[in-house]
Amino acid sequence: MRPYTQLALTRRAAGLTQAGLAERAGCSTVAVSFYECGMRQPRLDIAAALARALDTEIESLFPEHYAAA
């Protein structure tokens, strides 16, 4: 499973729109869309904000990029 797909699935399971997640995480709706479709990878601080907004771990949203060492 692609990491951006996991972000979208987790967001939807939380009952959030892309705009709602963006507001909670402090980024733009366009950025969330890019992360979900794999056009961009979030910086670590943004990935952490997305994880906090979804009450989960960064590694579960972006396992290929932020796997625990």
PDB file of N, CA and C in Angstrom:
ATOM      1  N   MET A   1       0.840  -1.184   0.000  1.00  0.00           N
ATOM      2  CA  MET A   1       0.000   0.000   0.000  1.00  0.00           C
ATOM      3  C   MET A   1       0.887   1.250   0.000  1.00  0.00           C
ATOM      4  N   ARG A   2       0.564   2.192  -0.800  1.00  0.00           N
ATOM      5  CA  ARG A   2       1.329   3.438  -0.888  1.00  0.00           C
ATOM      6  C   ARG A   2       1.055   4.305   0.338  1.00  0.00           C
ATOM      7  N   PRO A   3       2.053   5.065   0.787  1.00  0.00           N
ATOM      8  CA  PRO A   3       1.859   5.880   1.984  1.00  0.00           C
ATOM      9  C   PRO A   3       0.780   6.936   1.816  1.00  0.00           C
ATOM     10  N   TYR A   4       0.673   7.524   0.631  1.00  0.00           N
ATOM     11  CA  TYR A   4      -0.362   8.543   0.456  1.00  0.00           C
ATOM     12  C   TYR A   4      -1.745   7.934   0.519  1.00  0.00           C
ATOM     13  N   THR A   5      -1.881   6.694   0.124  1.00  0.00           N
ATOM     14  CA  THR A   5      -3.160   6.011   0.239  1.00  0.00           C
ATOM     15  C   THR A   5      -3.511   5.829   1.703  1.00  0.00           C
ATOM     16  N   GLN A   6      -2.538   5.497   2.527  1.00  0.00           N
ATOM     17  CA  GLN A   6      -2.789   5.330   3.961  1.00  0.00           C
ATOM     18  C   GLN A   6      -3.218   6.654   4.579  1.00  0.00           C
ATOM     19  N   LEU A   7      -2.625   7.750   4.162  1.00  0.00           N
ATOM     20  CA  LEU A   7      -3.038   9.063   4.666  1.00  0.00           C
ATOM     21  C   LEU A   7      -4.501   9.314   4.321  1.00  0.00           C
ATOM     22  N   ALA A   8      -4.883   9.056   3.084  1.00  0.00           N
ATOM     23  CA  ALA A   8      -6.272   9.272   2.676  1.00  0.00           C
ATOM     24  C   ALA A   8      -7.225   8.360   3.437  1.00  0.00           C
ATOM     25  N   LEU A   9      -6.859   7.101   3.591  1.00  0.00           N
ATOM     26  CA  LEU A   9      -7.720   6.166   4.316  1.00  0.00           C
ATOM     27  C   LEU A   9      -7.893   6.573   5.776  1.00  0.00           C
ATOM     28  N   THR A  10      -6.806   6.988   6.400  1.00  0.00           N
ATOM     29  CA  THR A  10      -6.868   7.403   7.800  1.00  0.00           C
ATOM     30  C   THR A  10      -7.700   8.675   7.946  1.00  0.00           C
ATOM     31  N   ARG A  11      -7.523   9.602   7.022  1.00  0.00           N
ATOM     32  CA  ARG A  11      -8.306  10.844   7.052  1.00  0.00           C
ATOM     33  C   ARG A  11      -9.787  10.541   6.922  1.00  0.00           C
ATOM     34  N   ARG A  12     -10.135   9.704   5.961  1.00  0.00           N
ATOM     35  CA  ARG A  12     -11.541   9.363   5.750  1.00  0.00           C
ATOM     36  C   ARG A  12     -12.126   8.636   6.951  1.00  0.00           C
ATOM     37  N   ALA A  13     -11.343   7.721   7.542  1.00  0.00           N
ATOM     38  CA  ALA A  13     -11.810   6.987   8.725  1.00  0.00           C
ATOM     39  C   ALA A  13     -12.065   7.931   9.898  1.00  0.00           C
ATOM     40  N   ALA A  14     -11.315   9.037   9.937  1.00  0.00           N
ATOM     41  CA  ALA A  14     -11.502  10.036  10.986  1.00  0.00           C
ATOM     42  C   ALA A  14     -12.676  10.968  10.678  1.00  0.00           C
ATOM     43  N   GLY A  15     -13.267  10.818   9.506  1.00  0.00           N
ATOM     44  CA  GLY A  15     -14.404  11.637   9.128  1.00  0.00           C
ATOM     45  C   GLY A  15     -14.038  13.055   8.739  1.00  0.00           C
ATOM     46  N   LEU A  16     -12.811  13.224   8.251  1.00  0.00           N
ATOM     47  CA  LEU A  16     -12.338  14.561   7.870  1.00  0.00           C
ATOM     48  C   LEU A  16     -12.267  14.720   6.354  1.00  0.00           C
ATOM     49  N   THR A  17     -12.501  15.928   5.907  1.00  0.00           N
ATOM     50  CA  THR A  17     -12.231  16.286   4.523  1.00  0.00           C
ATOM     51  C   THR A  17     -10.766  16.681   4.431  1.00  0.00           C
ATOM     52  N   GLN A  18     -10.274  16.843   3.215  1.00  0.00           N
ATOM     53  CA  GLN A  18      -8.911  17.341   3.055  1.00  0.00           C
ATOM     54  C   GLN A  18      -8.783  18.722   3.683  1.00  0.00           C
ATOM     55  N   ALA A  19      -9.798  19.551   3.528  1.00  0.00           N
ATOM     56  CA  ALA A  19      -9.761  20.900   4.107  1.00  0.00           C
ATOM     57  C   ALA A  19      -9.751  20.839   5.630  1.00  0.00           C
ATOM     58  N   GLY A  20     -10.521  19.928   6.199  1.00  0.00           N
ATOM     59  CA  GLY A  20     -10.550  19.782   7.656  1.00  0.00           C
ATOM     60  C   GLY A  20      -9.211  19.319   8.208  1.00  0.00           C
ATOM     61  N   LEU A  21      -8.591  18.359   7.539  1.00  0.00           N
ATOM     62  CA  LEU A  21      -7.273  17.894   7.963  1.00  0.00           C
ATOM     63  C   LEU A  21      -6.245  18.999   7.819  1.00  0.00           C
ATOM     64  N   ALA A  22      -6.294  19.714   6.707  1.00  0.00           N
ATOM     65  CA  ALA A  22      -5.346  20.802   6.476  1.00  0.00           C
ATOM     66  C   ALA A  22      -5.453  21.852   7.579  1.00  0.00           C
ATOM     67  N   GLU A  23      -6.675  22.201   7.960  1.00  0.00           N
ATOM     68  CA  GLU A  23      -6.864  23.185   9.022  1.00  0.00           C
ATOM     69  C   GLU A  23      -6.282  22.695  10.341  1.00  0.00           C
ATOM     70  N   ARG A  24      -6.549  21.453  10.688  1.00  0.00           N
ATOM     71  CA  ARG A  24      -6.026  20.890  11.941  1.00  0.00           C
ATOM     72  C   ARG A  24      -4.500  20.788  11.942  1.00  0.00           C
ATOM     73  N   ALA A  25      -3.930  20.490  10.773  1.00  0.00           N
ATOM     74  CA  ALA A  25      -2.485  20.281  10.686  1.00  0.00           C
ATOM     75  C   ALA A  25      -1.710  21.564  10.389  1.00  0.00           C
ATOM     76  N   GLY A  26      -2.420  22.619  10.009  1.00  0.00           N
ATOM     77  CA  GLY A  26      -1.748  23.882   9.723  1.00  0.00           C
ATOM     78  C   GLY A  26      -1.055  23.924   8.377  1.00  0.00           C
ATOM     79  N   CYS A  27      -1.634  23.254   7.404  1.00  0.00           N
ATOM     80  CA  CYS A  27      -1.086  23.299   6.049  1.00  0.00           C
ATOM     81  C   CYS A  27      -2.233  23.575   5.087  1.00  0.00           C
ATOM     82  N   SER A  28      -1.949  23.610   3.803  1.00  0.00           N
ATOM     83  CA  SER A  28      -2.996  23.920   2.829  1.00  0.00           C
ATOM     84  C   SER A  28      -3.712  22.648   2.365  1.00  0.00           C
ATOM     85  N   THR A  29      -4.912  22.846   1.871  1.00  0.00           N
ATOM     86  CA  THR A  29      -5.678  21.739   1.299  1.00  0.00           C
ATOM     87  C   THR A  29      -4.950  21.155   0.095  1.00  0.00           C
ATOM     88  N   VAL A  30      -4.334  22.011  -0.690  1.00  0.00           N
ATOM     89  CA  VAL A  30      -3.569  21.547  -1.855  1.00  0.00           C
ATOM     90  C   VAL A  30      -2.423  20.649  -1.401  1.00  0.00           C
ATOM     91  N   ALA A  31      -1.759  21.020  -0.323  1.00  0.00           N
ATOM     92  CA  ALA A  31      -0.664  20.192   0.193  1.00  0.00           C
ATOM     93  C   ALA A  31      -1.170  18.813   0.587  1.00  0.00           C
ATOM     94  N   VAL A  32      -2.287  18.751   1.305  1.00  0.00           N
ATOM     95  CA  VAL A  32      -2.858  17.453   1.702  1.00  0.00           C
ATOM     96  C   VAL A  32      -3.157  16.625   0.456  1.00  0.00           C
ATOM     97  N   SER A  33      -3.724  17.241  -0.549  1.00  0.00           N
ATOM     98  CA  SER A  33      -4.019  16.537  -1.796  1.00  0.00           C
ATOM     99  C   SER A  33      -2.747  15.986  -2.429  1.00  0.00           C
ATOM    100  N   PHE A  34      -1.705  16.792  -2.484  1.00  0.00           N
ATOM    101  CA  PHE A  34      -0.425  16.345  -3.045  1.00  0.00           C
ATOM    102  C   PHE A  34       0.151  15.171  -2.258  1.00  0.00           C
ATOM    103  N   TYR A  35       0.074  15.233  -0.922  1.00  0.00           N
ATOM    104  CA  TYR A  35       0.599  14.145  -0.096  1.00  0.00           C
ATOM    105  C   TYR A  35      -0.199  12.865  -0.334  1.00  0.00           C
ATOM    106  N   GLU A  36      -1.517  13.006  -0.450  1.00  0.00           N
ATOM    107  CA  GLU A  36      -2.362  11.831  -0.636  1.00  0.00           C
ATOM    108  C   GLU A  36      -2.151  11.166  -1.996  1.00  0.00           C
ATOM    109  N   CYS A  37      -1.878  11.943  -3.022  1.00  0.00           N
ATOM    110  CA  CYS A  37      -1.709  11.337  -4.346  1.00  0.00           C
ATOM    111  C   CYS A  37      -0.246  11.059  -4.672  1.00  0.00           C
ATOM    112  N   GLY A  38       0.656  11.377  -3.760  1.00  0.00           N
ATOM    113  CA  GLY A  38       2.059  11.051  -3.943  1.00  0.00           C
ATOM    114  C   GLY A  38       2.855  12.038  -4.762  1.00  0.00           C
ATOM    115  N   MET A  39       2.287  13.201  -5.033  1.00  0.00           N
ATOM    116  CA  MET A  39       3.026  14.200  -5.811  1.00  0.00           C
ATOM    117  C   MET A  39       4.133  14.849  -4.985  1.00  0.00           C
ATOM    118  N   ARG A  40       3.952  14.869  -3.676  1.00  0.00           N
ATOM    119  CA  ARG A  40       4.962  15.442  -2.781  1.00  0.00           C
ATOM    120  C   ARG A  40       5.030  14.631  -1.504  1.00  0.00           C
ATOM    121  N   GLN A  41       6.173  14.716  -0.849  1.00  0.00           N
ATOM    122  CA  GLN A  41       6.372  14.089   0.451  1.00  0.00           C
ATOM    123  C   GLN A  41       6.441  15.213   1.473  1.00  0.00           C
ATOM    124  N   PRO A  42       5.694  15.118   2.573  1.00  0.00           N
ATOM    125  CA  PRO A  42       5.738  16.196   3.558  1.00  0.00           C
ATOM    126  C   PRO A  42       7.063  16.230   4.308  1.00  0.00           C
ATOM    127  N   ARG A  43       7.474  17.455   4.683  1.00  0.00           N
ATOM    128  CA  ARG A  43       8.616  17.588   5.587  1.00  0.00           C
ATOM    129  C   ARG A  43       8.248  16.912   6.905  1.00  0.00           C
ATOM    130  N   LEU A  44       9.233  16.605   7.699  1.00  0.00           N
ATOM    131  CA  LEU A  44       9.004  15.903   8.955  1.00  0.00           C
ATOM    132  C   LEU A  44       8.047  16.671   9.866  1.00  0.00           C
ATOM    133  N   ASP A  45       8.174  17.996   9.946  1.00  0.00           N
ATOM    134  CA  ASP A  45       7.288  18.764  10.828  1.00  0.00           C
ATOM    135  C   ASP A  45       5.839  18.710  10.349  1.00  0.00           C
ATOM    136  N   ILE A  46       5.627  18.719   9.047  1.00  0.00           N
ATOM    137  CA  ILE A  46       4.267  18.625   8.512  1.00  0.00           C
ATOM    138  C   ILE A  46       3.723  17.212   8.696  1.00  0.00           C
ATOM    139  N   ALA A  47       4.551  16.208   8.467  1.00  0.00           N
ATOM    140  CA  ALA A  47       4.128  14.822   8.685  1.00  0.00           C
ATOM    141  C   ALA A  47       3.718  14.622  10.139  1.00  0.00           C
ATOM    142  N   ALA A  48       4.471  15.216  11.066  1.00  0.00           N
ATOM    143  CA  ALA A  48       4.129  15.118  12.490  1.00  0.00           C
ATOM    144  C   ALA A  48       2.812  15.817  12.781  1.00  0.00           C
ATOM    145  N   ALA A  49       2.582  16.972  12.175  1.00  0.00           N
ATOM    146  CA  ALA A  49       1.333  17.701  12.380  1.00  0.00           C
ATOM    147  C   ALA A  49       0.143  16.911  11.821  1.00  0.00           C
ATOM    148  N   LEU A  50       0.324  16.286  10.676  1.00  0.00           N
ATOM    149  CA  LEU A  50      -0.738  15.453  10.107  1.00  0.00           C
ATOM    150  C   LEU A  50      -1.037  14.273  11.023  1.00  0.00           C
ATOM    151  N   ALA A  51      -0.005  13.643  11.533  1.00  0.00           N
ATOM    152  CA  ALA A  51      -0.189  12.507  12.441  1.00  0.00           C
ATOM    153  C   ALA A  51      -0.909  12.940  13.718  1.00  0.00           C
ATOM    154  N   ARG A  52      -0.506  14.074  14.276  1.00  0.00           N
ATOM    155  CA  ARG A  52      -1.192  14.579  15.484  1.00  0.00           C
ATOM    156  C   ARG A  52      -2.660  14.871  15.201  1.00  0.00           C
ATOM    157  N   ALA A  53      -2.923  15.479  14.059  1.00  0.00           N
ATOM    158  CA  ALA A  53      -4.305  15.819  13.691  1.00  0.00           C
ATOM    159  C   ALA A  53      -5.167  14.572  13.529  1.00  0.00           C
ATOM    160  N   LEU A  54      -4.544  13.462  13.161  1.00  0.00           N
ATOM    161  CA  LEU A  54      -5.263  12.201  12.969  1.00  0.00           C
ATOM    162  C   LEU A  54      -5.092  11.246  14.149  1.00  0.00           C
ATOM    163  N   ASP A  55      -4.436  11.709  15.201  1.00  0.00           N
ATOM    164  CA  ASP A  55      -4.217  10.917  16.414  1.00  0.00           C
ATOM    165  C   ASP A  55      -3.578   9.564  16.095  1.00  0.00           C
ATOM    166  N   THR A  56      -2.483   9.639  15.346  1.00  0.00           N
ATOM    167  CA  THR A  56      -1.765   8.421  14.972  1.00  0.00           C
ATOM    168  C   THR A  56      -0.270   8.726  14.904  1.00  0.00           C
ATOM    169  N   GLU A  57       0.512   7.755  14.500  1.00  0.00           N
ATOM    170  CA  GLU A  57       1.955   7.904  14.382  1.00  0.00           C
ATOM    171  C   GLU A  57       2.350   8.241  12.942  1.00  0.00           C
ATOM    172  N   ILE A  58       3.437   8.982  12.802  1.00  0.00           N
ATOM    173  CA  ILE A  58       3.945   9.321  11.477  1.00  0.00           C
ATOM    174  C   ILE A  58       4.202   8.054  10.665  1.00  0.00           C
ATOM    175  N   GLU A  59       4.790   7.063  11.303  1.00  0.00           N
ATOM    176  CA  GLU A  59       5.164   5.830  10.615  1.00  0.00           C
ATOM    177  C   GLU A  59       3.959   5.120  10.001  1.00  0.00           C
ATOM    178  N   SER A  60       2.794   5.249  10.631  1.00  0.00           N
ATOM    179  CA  SER A  60       1.615   4.579  10.078  1.00  0.00           C
ATOM    180  C   SER A  60       1.066   5.320   8.860  1.00  0.00           C
ATOM    181  N   LEU A  61       1.300   6.621   8.780  1.00  0.00           N
ATOM    182  CA  LEU A  61       0.843   7.406   7.631  1.00  0.00           C
ATOM    183  C   LEU A  61       1.815   7.340   6.468  1.00  0.00           C
ATOM    184  N   PHE A  62       3.110   7.339   6.776  1.00  0.00           N
ATOM    185  CA  PHE A  62       4.160   7.403   5.744  1.00  0.00           C
ATOM    186  C   PHE A  62       5.231   6.343   6.025  1.00  0.00           C
ATOM    187  N   PRO A  63       4.878   5.065   6.009  1.00  0.00           N
ATOM    188  CA  PRO A  63       5.817   4.013   6.406  1.00  0.00           C
ATOM    189  C   PRO A  63       7.069   3.931   5.536  1.00  0.00           C
ATOM    190  N   GLU A  64       6.957   4.268   4.282  1.00  0.00           N
ATOM    191  CA  GLU A  64       8.116   4.161   3.389  1.00  0.00           C
ATOM    192  C   GLU A  64       9.108   5.298   3.584  1.00  0.00           C
ATOM    193  N   HIS A  65       8.657   6.395   4.200  1.00  0.00           N
ATOM    194  CA  HIS A  65       9.522   7.561   4.353  1.00  0.00           C
ATOM    195  C   HIS A  65       9.966   7.799   5.790  1.00  0.00           C
ATOM    196  N   TYR A  66       9.131   7.426   6.742  1.00  0.00           N
ATOM    197  CA  TYR A  66       9.438   7.725   8.140  1.00  0.00           C
ATOM    198  C   TYR A  66       9.338   6.482   9.005  1.00  0.00           C
ATOM    199  N   ALA A  67       9.875   5.385   8.524  1.00  0.00           N
ATOM    200  CA  ALA A  67       9.849   4.138   9.292  1.00  0.00           C
ATOM    201  C   ALA A  67      10.762   4.255  10.496  1.00  0.00           C
ATOM    202  N   ALA A  68      10.330   3.675  11.590  1.00  0.00           N
ATOM    203  CA  ALA A  68      11.151   3.683  12.805  1.00  0.00           C
ATOM    204  C   ALA A  68      12.421   2.889  12.567  1.00  0.00           C
ATOM    205  N   ALA A  69      13.499   3.434  13.053  1.00  0.00           N
ATOM    206  CA  ALA A  69      14.804   2.778  12.847  1.00  0.00           C
ATOM    207  C   ALA A  69      15.054   1.730  13.895  1.00  0.00           C
TER     208      ALA A  69
END
